[in-house]
């Protein structure tokens, strides 16, 4: 085998290894390659803690947690079959957090009629980096999320439940094609491993055929 073929094969292998840990990748025009990978509870704790402790992430509900408490929270989630956390990267740089869950196994399932093929998501976008805010970026990222959960996981409908006061997130979902549902009150969860206070939320839904006809 010639050196040229060896180098070509190695380049292909290196490319494969680089992307093998992603559950979804896609090119976002004008931005780069978006990759979604399972969150490493310990390895990614510094990055995630840096995001969730900021005031802008108040509605995420983890402002007061320490770095180790953030790691413990996601280590607990990693042991569940119904809830999953993913770190989202742009050309290898962390840019967001995506969580998916089975609505029938979550408190949201108590306040709306769950349909077969539903999947719930929570989305946290990282603050703008050194390049500053970039028009169209959040829409491109949301489309990548939708492609993963609706096409990659073969689901029929996404449900989101942002806090009713989080007008920015609600507007972002509606611009992406989500249809507003009713405002609801999610019940308090008080378990040994999980505590979630009561939450007034705005439901919104996105059917697969709306974004991917």
N, C-alpha and C. Protein backbone atom coordinates (compact mmCIF):
# COMPACT_ATOMS: atom_id res chain seq x y z
N UNK A 1 0.86 -1.20 0.00
CA UNK A 1 0.00 0.00 0.00
C UNK A 1 0.88 1.24 0.00
N UNK A 2 0.56 2.22 -0.82
CA UNK A 2 1.36 3.43 -0.91
C UNK A 2 1.15 4.31 0.30
N UNK A 3 2.15 5.22 0.53
CA UNK A 3 2.02 6.17 1.63
C UNK A 3 0.78 7.03 1.47
N UNK A 4 0.46 7.35 0.22
CA UNK A 4 -0.71 8.18 -0.03
C UNK A 4 -1.98 7.50 0.46
N UNK A 5 -2.09 6.17 0.20
CA UNK A 5 -3.26 5.44 0.66
C UNK A 5 -3.28 5.34 2.18
N UNK A 6 -2.09 5.13 2.77
CA UNK A 6 -2.02 5.04 4.23
C UNK A 6 -2.50 6.34 4.86
N UNK A 7 -2.00 7.47 4.34
CA UNK A 7 -2.42 8.76 4.89
C UNK A 7 -3.91 8.99 4.69
N UNK A 8 -4.43 8.60 3.54
CA UNK A 8 -5.86 8.78 3.26
C UNK A 8 -6.69 7.94 4.22
N UNK A 9 -6.25 6.67 4.44
CA UNK A 9 -6.99 5.80 5.36
C UNK A 9 -6.93 6.34 6.78
N UNK A 10 -5.78 6.86 7.18
CA UNK A 10 -5.65 7.40 8.53
C UNK A 10 -6.53 8.63 8.71
N UNK A 11 -6.56 9.47 7.68
CA UNK A 11 -7.38 10.67 7.76
C UNK A 11 -8.85 10.29 7.91
N UNK A 12 -9.29 9.27 7.17
CA UNK A 12 -10.67 8.82 7.28
C UNK A 12 -10.94 8.27 8.68
N UNK A 13 -9.97 7.49 9.21
CA UNK A 13 -10.13 6.92 10.54
C UNK A 13 -10.19 8.01 11.60
N UNK A 14 -9.29 9.00 11.49
CA UNK A 14 -9.25 10.09 12.45
C UNK A 14 -10.56 10.86 12.43
N UNK A 15 -11.10 11.07 11.23
CA UNK A 15 -12.38 11.77 11.10
C UNK A 15 -13.48 10.97 11.78
N UNK A 16 -13.45 9.65 11.60
CA UNK A 16 -14.46 8.79 12.21
C UNK A 16 -14.37 8.84 13.73
N UNK A 17 -13.13 8.74 14.25
CA UNK A 17 -12.95 8.75 15.70
C UNK A 17 -13.44 10.07 16.28
N UNK A 18 -13.15 11.18 15.57
CA UNK A 18 -13.54 12.50 16.07
C UNK A 18 -15.05 12.60 16.23
N UNK A 19 -15.80 11.99 15.32
CA UNK A 19 -17.25 12.13 15.35
C UNK A 19 -17.97 10.93 15.97
N UNK A 20 -17.23 9.85 16.29
CA UNK A 20 -17.88 8.63 16.74
C UNK A 20 -18.65 8.82 18.03
N UNK A 21 -18.22 9.76 18.90
CA UNK A 21 -18.89 9.92 20.19
C UNK A 21 -20.14 10.77 20.08
N UNK A 22 -20.41 11.35 18.92
CA UNK A 22 -21.62 12.14 18.73
C UNK A 22 -22.79 11.24 18.36
N UNK A 23 -23.96 11.53 18.92
CA UNK A 23 -25.17 10.81 18.52
C UNK A 23 -25.81 11.48 17.30
N UNK A 24 -25.41 12.74 17.04
CA UNK A 24 -25.95 13.46 15.89
C UNK A 24 -24.97 14.55 15.50
N UNK A 25 -24.72 14.70 14.20
CA UNK A 25 -23.93 15.81 13.68
C UNK A 25 -24.62 16.36 12.45
N UNK A 26 -24.50 17.66 12.25
CA UNK A 26 -24.99 18.25 11.01
C UNK A 26 -24.31 19.60 10.79
N UNK A 27 -24.21 19.97 9.53
CA UNK A 27 -23.58 21.24 9.18
C UNK A 27 -24.61 22.35 9.24
N UNK A 28 -24.29 23.39 9.98
CA UNK A 28 -25.15 24.57 10.07
C UNK A 28 -24.54 25.64 9.19
N UNK A 29 -25.21 25.97 8.10
CA UNK A 29 -24.67 26.94 7.13
C UNK A 29 -24.26 28.24 7.81
N UNK A 30 -23.02 28.64 7.53
CA UNK A 30 -22.52 29.89 8.05
C UNK A 30 -21.97 29.82 9.47
N UNK A 31 -22.09 28.63 10.10
CA UNK A 31 -21.64 28.51 11.49
C UNK A 31 -20.60 27.41 11.68
N UNK A 32 -20.85 26.23 11.14
CA UNK A 32 -19.92 25.12 11.32
C UNK A 32 -20.67 23.83 11.56
N UNK A 33 -20.00 22.86 12.16
CA UNK A 33 -20.59 21.55 12.41
C UNK A 33 -21.09 21.45 13.84
N UNK A 34 -22.38 21.17 13.97
CA UNK A 34 -23.00 20.97 15.29
C UNK A 34 -22.92 19.48 15.62
N UNK A 35 -22.41 19.18 16.79
CA UNK A 35 -22.34 17.81 17.26
C UNK A 35 -23.05 17.67 18.60
N UNK A 36 -23.85 16.63 18.75
CA UNK A 36 -24.57 16.36 20.00
C UNK A 36 -24.02 15.06 20.57
N UNK A 37 -23.54 15.11 21.81
CA UNK A 37 -22.99 13.91 22.43
C UNK A 37 -23.52 13.75 23.85
N UNK A 38 -23.51 12.52 24.38
CA UNK A 38 -23.94 12.32 25.76
C UNK A 38 -23.09 13.15 26.71
N UNK A 39 -23.74 13.76 27.68
CA UNK A 39 -23.05 14.58 28.67
C UNK A 39 -22.22 13.69 29.59
N UNK A 40 -20.99 14.08 29.85
CA UNK A 40 -20.13 13.43 30.83
C UNK A 40 -20.33 14.17 32.15
N UNK A 41 -21.03 13.56 33.10
CA UNK A 41 -21.43 14.26 34.32
C UNK A 41 -20.25 14.89 35.05
N UNK A 42 -19.14 14.19 35.13
CA UNK A 42 -17.97 14.72 35.82
C UNK A 42 -17.10 15.57 34.88
N UNK A 43 -16.82 15.05 33.71
CA UNK A 43 -15.93 15.72 32.79
C UNK A 43 -16.46 17.04 32.27
N UNK A 44 -17.78 17.17 32.17
CA UNK A 44 -18.40 18.40 31.64
C UNK A 44 -18.94 19.31 32.74
N UNK A 45 -18.72 18.94 34.00
CA UNK A 45 -19.34 19.68 35.10
C UNK A 45 -18.88 21.13 35.17
N UNK A 46 -17.60 21.40 34.91
CA UNK A 46 -17.12 22.78 34.98
C UNK A 46 -17.82 23.66 33.96
N UNK A 47 -17.95 23.15 32.74
CA UNK A 47 -18.60 23.91 31.67
C UNK A 47 -20.06 24.17 32.01
N UNK A 48 -20.77 23.12 32.38
CA UNK A 48 -22.21 23.26 32.66
C UNK A 48 -22.44 24.15 33.88
N UNK A 49 -21.63 23.96 34.92
CA UNK A 49 -21.78 24.81 36.10
C UNK A 49 -21.56 26.28 35.76
N UNK A 50 -20.61 26.55 34.87
CA UNK A 50 -20.38 27.93 34.45
C UNK A 50 -21.59 28.54 33.78
N UNK A 51 -22.36 27.72 33.09
CA UNK A 51 -23.57 28.22 32.43
C UNK A 51 -24.72 28.41 33.40
N UNK A 52 -25.00 27.36 34.21
CA UNK A 52 -26.23 27.36 35.01
C UNK A 52 -26.16 28.29 36.21
N UNK A 53 -24.96 28.72 36.61
CA UNK A 53 -24.86 29.62 37.77
C UNK A 53 -25.12 31.07 37.38
N UNK A 54 -25.16 31.37 36.07
CA UNK A 54 -25.39 32.74 35.63
C UNK A 54 -26.86 33.13 35.79
N UNK A 55 -27.10 34.40 36.02
CA UNK A 55 -28.45 34.90 36.21
C UNK A 55 -29.31 34.63 34.98
N UNK A 56 -28.71 34.69 33.79
CA UNK A 56 -29.45 34.46 32.55
C UNK A 56 -30.04 33.06 32.49
N UNK A 57 -29.50 32.12 33.31
CA UNK A 57 -29.99 30.74 33.33
C UNK A 57 -30.89 30.47 34.53
N UNK A 58 -31.45 31.53 35.11
CA UNK A 58 -32.25 31.37 36.33
C UNK A 58 -33.39 30.37 36.14
N UNK A 59 -34.01 30.38 34.97
CA UNK A 59 -35.15 29.48 34.75
C UNK A 59 -34.72 28.02 34.61
N UNK A 60 -33.42 27.76 34.46
CA UNK A 60 -32.94 26.37 34.42
C UNK A 60 -33.06 25.73 35.80
N UNK A 61 -33.07 26.57 36.84
CA UNK A 61 -33.32 26.06 38.19
C UNK A 61 -32.12 25.52 38.92
N UNK A 62 -30.89 25.88 38.47
CA UNK A 62 -29.69 25.33 39.13
C UNK A 62 -28.73 26.45 39.55
N UNK A 63 -29.23 27.68 39.66
CA UNK A 63 -28.37 28.83 39.98
C UNK A 63 -27.56 28.64 41.26
N UNK A 64 -28.17 28.05 42.27
CA UNK A 64 -27.52 27.97 43.57
C UNK A 64 -26.66 26.75 43.79
N UNK A 65 -26.54 25.89 42.79
CA UNK A 65 -25.79 24.65 42.98
C UNK A 65 -24.29 24.85 42.81
N UNK A 66 -23.51 24.08 43.57
CA UNK A 66 -22.07 24.09 43.40
C UNK A 66 -21.70 23.24 42.20
N UNK A 67 -20.45 23.30 41.82
CA UNK A 67 -19.97 22.50 40.69
C UNK A 67 -20.18 21.01 40.97
N UNK A 68 -19.89 20.56 42.20
CA UNK A 68 -20.06 19.14 42.53
C UNK A 68 -21.52 18.73 42.55
N UNK A 69 -22.40 19.63 42.98
CA UNK A 69 -23.83 19.32 42.97
C UNK A 69 -24.35 19.19 41.55
N UNK A 70 -23.83 20.01 40.63
CA UNK A 70 -24.20 19.88 39.22
C UNK A 70 -23.77 18.51 38.70
N UNK A 71 -22.53 18.12 39.02
CA UNK A 71 -22.03 16.81 38.60
C UNK A 71 -22.90 15.69 39.16
N UNK A 72 -23.29 15.80 40.42
CA UNK A 72 -24.12 14.77 41.06
C UNK A 72 -25.49 14.70 40.41
N UNK A 73 -26.04 15.85 40.06
CA UNK A 73 -27.36 15.88 39.42
C UNK A 73 -27.33 15.12 38.10
N UNK A 74 -26.31 15.35 37.30
CA UNK A 74 -26.25 14.69 36.00
C UNK A 74 -25.76 13.26 36.09
N UNK A 75 -25.02 12.93 37.14
CA UNK A 75 -24.67 11.53 37.37
C UNK A 75 -25.93 10.73 37.70
N UNK A 76 -26.82 11.34 38.48
CA UNK A 76 -28.09 10.68 38.78
C UNK A 76 -28.91 10.49 37.51
N UNK A 77 -28.96 11.51 36.68
CA UNK A 77 -29.72 11.41 35.43
C UNK A 77 -29.16 10.32 34.53
N UNK A 78 -27.83 10.17 34.53
CA UNK A 78 -27.19 9.17 33.67
C UNK A 78 -27.63 7.75 34.02
N UNK A 79 -28.13 7.57 35.23
CA UNK A 79 -28.59 6.25 35.64
C UNK A 79 -30.05 5.98 35.31
N UNK A 80 -30.72 6.94 34.68
CA UNK A 80 -32.13 6.79 34.33
C UNK A 80 -32.29 6.32 32.89
N UNK A 81 -33.35 5.58 32.63
CA UNK A 81 -33.66 5.16 31.27
C UNK A 81 -34.58 6.15 30.56
N UNK A 82 -35.18 7.05 31.32
CA UNK A 82 -36.22 7.92 30.77
C UNK A 82 -35.78 9.36 30.54
N UNK A 83 -34.67 9.77 31.15
CA UNK A 83 -34.18 11.13 31.04
C UNK A 83 -32.71 11.09 30.62
N UNK A 84 -32.34 11.92 29.65
CA UNK A 84 -30.97 11.90 29.13
C UNK A 84 -30.46 13.33 28.92
N UNK A 85 -29.17 13.53 29.14
CA UNK A 85 -28.56 14.84 28.97
C UNK A 85 -27.46 14.77 27.92
N UNK A 86 -27.36 15.81 27.11
CA UNK A 86 -26.39 15.87 26.02
C UNK A 86 -25.70 17.23 26.02
N UNK A 87 -24.40 17.22 25.73
CA UNK A 87 -23.67 18.46 25.51
C UNK A 87 -23.64 18.71 24.01
N UNK A 88 -23.88 19.94 23.63
CA UNK A 88 -23.91 20.31 22.22
C UNK A 88 -22.66 21.13 21.92
N UNK A 89 -21.99 20.79 20.83
CA UNK A 89 -20.75 21.47 20.46
C UNK A 89 -20.83 22.04 19.05
N UNK A 90 -20.12 23.13 18.84
CA UNK A 90 -19.95 23.71 17.50
C UNK A 90 -18.47 23.61 17.16
N UNK A 91 -18.16 22.77 16.19
CA UNK A 91 -16.75 22.53 15.83
C UNK A 91 -15.92 22.19 17.07
N UNK A 92 -16.50 21.39 17.97
CA UNK A 92 -15.77 20.93 19.14
C UNK A 92 -15.86 21.82 20.36
N UNK A 93 -16.46 23.00 20.24
CA UNK A 93 -16.59 23.93 21.37
C UNK A 93 -18.00 23.84 21.96
N UNK A 94 -18.13 23.64 23.29
CA UNK A 94 -19.46 23.53 23.90
C UNK A 94 -20.29 24.80 23.69
N UNK A 95 -21.54 24.60 23.24
CA UNK A 95 -22.42 25.74 22.97
C UNK A 95 -23.82 25.57 23.55
N UNK A 96 -24.11 24.44 24.17
CA UNK A 96 -25.45 24.28 24.70
C UNK A 96 -25.65 22.94 25.38
N UNK A 97 -26.80 22.85 26.03
CA UNK A 97 -27.18 21.66 26.76
C UNK A 97 -28.57 21.24 26.28
N UNK A 98 -28.72 19.97 25.98
CA UNK A 98 -30.01 19.41 25.56
C UNK A 98 -30.36 18.27 26.49
N UNK A 99 -31.56 18.30 27.03
CA UNK A 99 -32.06 17.18 27.83
C UNK A 99 -33.33 16.64 27.19
N UNK A 100 -33.43 15.34 27.11
CA UNK A 100 -34.64 14.69 26.58
C UNK A 100 -35.26 13.84 27.67
N UNK A 101 -36.56 13.64 27.56
CA UNK A 101 -37.24 12.82 28.57
C UNK A 101 -38.52 12.24 27.99
N UNK A 102 -38.95 11.17 28.61
CA UNK A 102 -40.22 10.55 28.25
C UNK A 102 -41.33 11.25 29.02
N UNK A 103 -42.23 11.96 28.34
CA UNK A 103 -43.26 12.72 29.04
C UNK A 103 -44.12 11.88 29.98
N UNK A 104 -44.38 10.64 29.60
CA UNK A 104 -45.22 9.79 30.44
C UNK A 104 -44.54 9.45 31.76
N UNK A 105 -43.21 9.60 31.82
CA UNK A 105 -42.44 9.30 33.03
C UNK A 105 -41.94 10.57 33.70
N UNK A 106 -42.57 11.68 33.39
CA UNK A 106 -42.16 12.98 33.92
C UNK A 106 -43.40 13.69 34.45
N UNK A 107 -43.20 14.68 35.30
CA UNK A 107 -44.36 15.37 35.87
C UNK A 107 -45.20 16.07 34.83
N UNK A 108 -44.61 16.42 33.67
CA UNK A 108 -45.41 17.06 32.63
C UNK A 108 -46.51 16.13 32.14
N UNK A 109 -46.29 14.82 32.26
CA UNK A 109 -47.30 13.85 31.83
C UNK A 109 -48.58 13.90 32.66
N UNK A 110 -48.51 14.61 33.80
CA UNK A 110 -49.70 14.74 34.64
C UNK A 110 -50.61 15.89 34.22
N UNK A 111 -50.12 16.74 33.29
CA UNK A 111 -50.87 17.95 32.97
C UNK A 111 -51.27 18.05 31.51
N UNK A 112 -50.96 17.03 30.70
CA UNK A 112 -51.45 17.02 29.33
C UNK A 112 -51.58 15.57 28.89
N UNK A 113 -52.31 15.35 27.81
CA UNK A 113 -52.55 13.99 27.32
C UNK A 113 -51.38 13.57 26.42
N UNK A 114 -50.55 12.69 26.93
CA UNK A 114 -49.36 12.23 26.20
C UNK A 114 -49.78 11.36 25.02
N UNK A 115 -49.21 11.64 23.85
CA UNK A 115 -49.47 10.84 22.66
C UNK A 115 -48.30 9.90 22.39
N UNK A 116 -48.59 8.79 21.73
CA UNK A 116 -47.53 7.89 21.30
C UNK A 116 -46.58 8.63 20.38
N UNK A 117 -45.28 8.52 20.62
CA UNK A 117 -44.30 9.23 19.79
C UNK A 117 -43.89 10.57 20.33
N UNK A 118 -44.42 10.98 21.48
CA UNK A 118 -44.03 12.24 22.11
C UNK A 118 -42.64 12.11 22.73
N UNK A 119 -41.90 13.21 22.74
CA UNK A 119 -40.65 13.30 23.49
C UNK A 119 -40.53 14.71 24.04
N UNK A 120 -40.09 14.82 25.27
CA UNK A 120 -39.92 16.12 25.89
C UNK A 120 -38.48 16.57 25.80
N UNK A 121 -38.26 17.88 25.72
CA UNK A 121 -36.90 18.42 25.70
C UNK A 121 -36.80 19.66 26.58
N UNK A 122 -35.60 19.84 27.14
CA UNK A 122 -35.21 21.09 27.79
C UNK A 122 -33.97 21.57 27.06
N UNK A 123 -33.87 22.86 26.83
CA UNK A 123 -32.77 23.43 26.06
C UNK A 123 -32.15 24.60 26.82
N UNK A 124 -30.82 24.58 26.94
CA UNK A 124 -30.08 25.70 27.51
C UNK A 124 -28.99 26.09 26.53
N UNK A 125 -29.03 27.31 26.03
CA UNK A 125 -28.02 27.80 25.10
C UNK A 125 -26.93 28.54 25.87
N UNK A 126 -25.68 28.28 25.51
CA UNK A 126 -24.56 28.95 26.17
C UNK A 126 -24.56 30.43 25.82
N UNK A 127 -23.95 31.26 26.68
CA UNK A 127 -23.83 32.68 26.33
C UNK A 127 -22.97 32.86 25.09
N UNK A 128 -23.17 33.96 24.40
CA UNK A 128 -22.39 34.25 23.19
C UNK A 128 -20.91 34.27 23.52
N UNK A 129 -20.11 33.69 22.64
CA UNK A 129 -18.67 33.63 22.86
C UNK A 129 -17.98 34.92 22.46
N UNK A 130 -16.67 34.81 22.20
CA UNK A 130 -15.87 35.99 21.89
C UNK A 130 -16.34 36.69 20.61
N UNK A 131 -16.97 35.89 19.71
CA UNK A 131 -17.43 36.51 18.46
C UNK A 131 -18.74 37.27 18.62
N UNK A 132 -19.33 37.15 19.82
CA UNK A 132 -20.57 37.87 20.07
C UNK A 132 -21.78 37.15 19.49
N UNK A 133 -22.96 37.76 19.68
CA UNK A 133 -24.20 37.18 19.18
C UNK A 133 -24.16 37.10 17.66
N UNK A 134 -24.66 36.02 17.12
CA UNK A 134 -24.64 35.81 15.67
C UNK A 134 -26.07 35.56 15.18
N UNK A 135 -26.60 36.43 14.36
CA UNK A 135 -27.98 36.28 13.87
C UNK A 135 -28.19 34.91 13.23
N UNK A 136 -29.29 34.25 13.61
CA UNK A 136 -29.64 32.97 13.03
C UNK A 136 -29.06 31.77 13.74
N UNK A 137 -28.17 32.01 14.73
CA UNK A 137 -27.51 30.89 15.39
C UNK A 137 -28.49 30.05 16.22
N UNK A 138 -29.33 30.70 17.02
CA UNK A 138 -30.24 29.92 17.87
C UNK A 138 -31.20 29.10 17.01
N UNK A 139 -31.65 29.66 15.90
CA UNK A 139 -32.55 28.92 15.01
C UNK A 139 -31.84 27.71 14.41
N UNK A 140 -30.57 27.87 14.02
CA UNK A 140 -29.81 26.76 13.45
C UNK A 140 -29.61 25.67 14.49
N UNK A 141 -29.33 26.07 15.72
CA UNK A 141 -29.12 25.09 16.79
C UNK A 141 -30.43 24.37 17.13
N UNK A 142 -31.52 25.10 17.18
CA UNK A 142 -32.81 24.48 17.48
C UNK A 142 -33.19 23.49 16.39
N UNK A 143 -32.85 23.80 15.15
CA UNK A 143 -33.15 22.86 14.07
C UNK A 143 -32.34 21.58 14.22
N UNK A 144 -31.09 21.71 14.66
CA UNK A 144 -30.27 20.52 14.89
C UNK A 144 -30.86 19.67 16.02
N UNK A 145 -31.33 20.33 17.08
CA UNK A 145 -31.99 19.59 18.16
C UNK A 145 -33.21 18.84 17.64
N UNK A 146 -34.02 19.54 16.86
CA UNK A 146 -35.25 18.94 16.34
C UNK A 146 -34.94 17.78 15.41
N UNK A 147 -33.89 17.92 14.58
CA UNK A 147 -33.51 16.84 13.67
C UNK A 147 -33.11 15.59 14.46
N UNK A 148 -32.39 15.80 15.56
CA UNK A 148 -31.96 14.65 16.36
C UNK A 148 -33.15 13.94 17.00
N UNK A 149 -34.03 14.70 17.68
CA UNK A 149 -35.09 14.04 18.43
C UNK A 149 -36.22 13.53 17.53
N UNK A 150 -36.54 14.27 16.46
CA UNK A 150 -37.66 13.86 15.61
C UNK A 150 -37.25 12.84 14.55
N UNK A 151 -36.09 13.03 13.94
CA UNK A 151 -35.64 12.13 12.89
C UNK A 151 -34.71 11.05 13.45
N UNK A 152 -33.69 11.48 14.20
CA UNK A 152 -32.74 10.51 14.74
C UNK A 152 -33.36 9.53 15.71
N UNK A 153 -34.27 10.02 16.56
CA UNK A 153 -34.94 9.15 17.53
C UNK A 153 -36.31 8.68 17.04
N UNK A 154 -36.69 9.10 15.83
CA UNK A 154 -37.94 8.68 15.21
C UNK A 154 -39.15 8.96 16.10
N UNK A 155 -39.28 10.23 16.51
CA UNK A 155 -40.43 10.65 17.31
C UNK A 155 -41.37 11.50 16.47
N UNK A 156 -42.61 11.56 16.90
CA UNK A 156 -43.63 12.27 16.12
C UNK A 156 -43.85 13.71 16.59
N UNK A 157 -43.59 13.97 17.88
CA UNK A 157 -43.91 15.30 18.41
C UNK A 157 -43.00 15.63 19.59
N UNK A 158 -42.55 16.89 19.62
CA UNK A 158 -41.75 17.39 20.74
C UNK A 158 -42.64 18.24 21.63
N UNK A 159 -42.48 18.08 22.94
CA UNK A 159 -43.18 18.93 23.90
C UNK A 159 -42.13 19.68 24.72
N UNK A 160 -42.36 20.97 24.96
CA UNK A 160 -41.51 21.77 25.83
C UNK A 160 -42.39 22.43 26.88
N UNK A 161 -41.78 22.75 28.03
CA UNK A 161 -42.55 23.33 29.13
C UNK A 161 -41.78 24.46 29.82
N UNK A 162 -41.39 25.51 29.06
CA UNK A 162 -40.66 26.63 29.69
C UNK A 162 -41.52 27.34 30.73
N UNK A 163 -40.85 27.93 31.69
CA UNK A 163 -41.51 28.75 32.70
C UNK A 163 -42.32 29.84 31.99
N UNK A 164 -43.51 30.12 32.47
CA UNK A 164 -44.36 31.12 31.82
C UNK A 164 -43.71 32.51 31.80
N UNK A 165 -42.76 32.74 32.72
CA UNK A 165 -42.08 34.05 32.77
C UNK A 165 -40.92 34.13 31.78
N UNK A 166 -40.55 33.00 31.22
CA UNK A 166 -39.40 32.96 30.31
C UNK A 166 -39.86 33.29 28.89
N UNK A 167 -40.19 34.56 28.70
CA UNK A 167 -40.76 35.00 27.42
C UNK A 167 -39.79 34.81 26.26
N UNK A 168 -38.51 34.95 26.51
CA UNK A 168 -37.52 34.80 25.45
C UNK A 168 -37.50 33.38 24.91
N UNK A 169 -37.52 32.40 25.80
CA UNK A 169 -37.52 31.00 25.37
C UNK A 169 -38.82 30.64 24.66
N UNK A 170 -39.94 31.12 25.18
CA UNK A 170 -41.23 30.83 24.56
C UNK A 170 -41.27 31.39 23.14
N UNK A 171 -40.81 32.63 22.98
CA UNK A 171 -40.80 33.24 21.64
C UNK A 171 -39.89 32.46 20.70
N UNK A 172 -38.76 31.97 21.21
CA UNK A 172 -37.83 31.21 20.37
C UNK A 172 -38.50 29.92 19.87
N UNK A 173 -39.21 29.24 20.75
CA UNK A 173 -39.89 28.00 20.35
C UNK A 173 -40.97 28.29 19.30
N UNK A 174 -41.72 29.33 19.51
CA UNK A 174 -42.80 29.65 18.57
C UNK A 174 -42.25 30.03 17.20
N UNK A 175 -41.12 30.74 17.17
CA UNK A 175 -40.48 31.08 15.88
C UNK A 175 -40.01 29.82 15.16
N UNK A 176 -39.70 28.79 15.92
CA UNK A 176 -39.19 27.56 15.33
C UNK A 176 -40.31 26.67 14.79
N UNK A 177 -41.56 27.06 14.98
CA UNK A 177 -42.67 26.28 14.47
C UNK A 177 -43.50 25.58 15.52
N UNK A 178 -43.12 25.74 16.79
CA UNK A 178 -43.92 25.14 17.87
C UNK A 178 -45.29 25.82 17.94
N UNK A 179 -46.27 25.06 18.33
CA UNK A 179 -47.63 25.58 18.54
C UNK A 179 -47.87 25.68 20.03
N UNK A 180 -48.31 26.86 20.48
CA UNK A 180 -48.54 27.06 21.91
C UNK A 180 -49.67 26.19 22.40
N UNK A 181 -49.46 25.55 23.53
CA UNK A 181 -50.49 24.80 24.22
C UNK A 181 -51.00 25.62 25.39
N UNK A 182 -51.61 24.98 26.36
CA UNK A 182 -52.14 25.73 27.50
C UNK A 182 -51.05 26.01 28.55
N UNK A 183 -51.21 27.08 29.31
CA UNK A 183 -50.36 27.25 30.50
C UNK A 183 -50.81 26.22 31.55
N UNK A 184 -49.85 25.64 32.26
CA UNK A 184 -50.16 24.59 33.23
C UNK A 184 -49.33 24.81 34.49
N UNK A 185 -49.67 24.08 35.54
CA UNK A 185 -48.88 24.08 36.76
C UNK A 185 -48.31 22.69 36.96
N UNK A 186 -46.98 22.59 36.87
CA UNK A 186 -46.32 21.31 37.09
C UNK A 186 -46.19 21.08 38.59
N UNK A 187 -46.57 19.91 39.08
CA UNK A 187 -46.57 19.67 40.52
C UNK A 187 -45.17 19.58 41.10
N UNK A 188 -45.06 19.88 42.39
CA UNK A 188 -43.80 19.74 43.11
C UNK A 188 -43.36 18.28 43.15
N UNK A 189 -42.06 18.05 43.00
CA UNK A 189 -41.48 16.71 43.14
C UNK A 189 -40.53 16.75 44.32
N UNK A 190 -40.77 15.92 45.32
CA UNK A 190 -39.93 15.89 46.53
C UNK A 190 -39.57 14.45 46.83
N UNK A 191 -38.43 14.02 46.26
CA UNK A 191 -37.94 12.65 46.43
C UNK A 191 -36.54 12.70 47.05
N UNK A 192 -36.04 11.57 47.57
CA UNK A 192 -34.70 11.57 48.17
C UNK A 192 -33.61 12.08 47.23
N UNK A 193 -33.70 11.75 45.95
CA UNK A 193 -32.65 12.14 45.00
C UNK A 193 -33.01 13.35 44.15
N UNK A 194 -34.28 13.75 44.14
CA UNK A 194 -34.71 14.83 43.26
C UNK A 194 -35.70 15.74 43.98
N UNK A 195 -35.46 17.05 43.91
CA UNK A 195 -36.46 18.00 44.38
C UNK A 195 -36.70 19.04 43.29
N UNK A 196 -37.95 19.19 42.90
CA UNK A 196 -38.34 20.20 41.92
C UNK A 196 -39.53 20.97 42.49
N UNK A 197 -39.42 22.28 42.62
CA UNK A 197 -40.55 23.06 43.13
C UNK A 197 -41.68 23.11 42.09
N UNK A 198 -42.85 23.47 42.55
CA UNK A 198 -43.97 23.67 41.63
C UNK A 198 -43.58 24.70 40.57
N UNK A 199 -44.04 24.49 39.35
CA UNK A 199 -43.65 25.37 38.25
C UNK A 199 -44.83 25.70 37.37
N UNK A 200 -45.04 26.98 37.12
CA UNK A 200 -46.07 27.41 36.18
C UNK A 200 -45.41 27.47 34.80
N UNK A 201 -45.88 26.65 33.89
CA UNK A 201 -45.21 26.46 32.60
C UNK A 201 -46.14 26.74 31.44
N UNK A 202 -45.54 27.08 30.31
CA UNK A 202 -46.26 27.25 29.04
C UNK A 202 -45.92 26.05 28.15
N UNK A 203 -46.88 25.20 27.90
CA UNK A 203 -46.63 24.06 27.02
C UNK A 203 -46.59 24.53 25.56
N UNK A 204 -45.77 23.87 24.78
CA UNK A 204 -45.73 24.11 23.34
C UNK A 204 -45.33 22.82 22.66
N UNK A 205 -45.81 22.62 21.43
CA UNK A 205 -45.64 21.35 20.73
C UNK A 205 -45.16 21.57 19.30
N UNK A 206 -44.30 20.67 18.85
CA UNK A 206 -43.81 20.72 17.48
C UNK A 206 -43.97 19.33 16.87
N UNK A 207 -44.82 19.23 15.84
CA UNK A 207 -45.00 17.95 15.15
C UNK A 207 -43.95 17.81 14.06
N UNK A 208 -43.53 16.59 13.81
CA UNK A 208 -42.46 16.32 12.87
C UNK A 208 -42.78 16.86 11.48
N UNK A 209 -44.02 16.71 11.04
CA UNK A 209 -44.36 17.11 9.67
C UNK A 209 -44.32 18.62 9.47
N UNK A 210 -44.34 19.40 10.55
CA UNK A 210 -44.25 20.85 10.44
C UNK A 210 -42.84 21.27 10.02
N UNK A 211 -41.84 20.69 10.65
CA UNK A 211 -40.46 21.05 10.36
C UNK A 211 -39.84 20.20 9.26
N UNK A 212 -40.29 18.96 9.16
CA UNK A 212 -39.76 18.04 8.15
C UNK A 212 -40.91 17.43 7.37
N UNK A 213 -41.54 18.20 6.47
CA UNK A 213 -42.71 17.71 5.74
C UNK A 213 -42.34 16.56 4.81
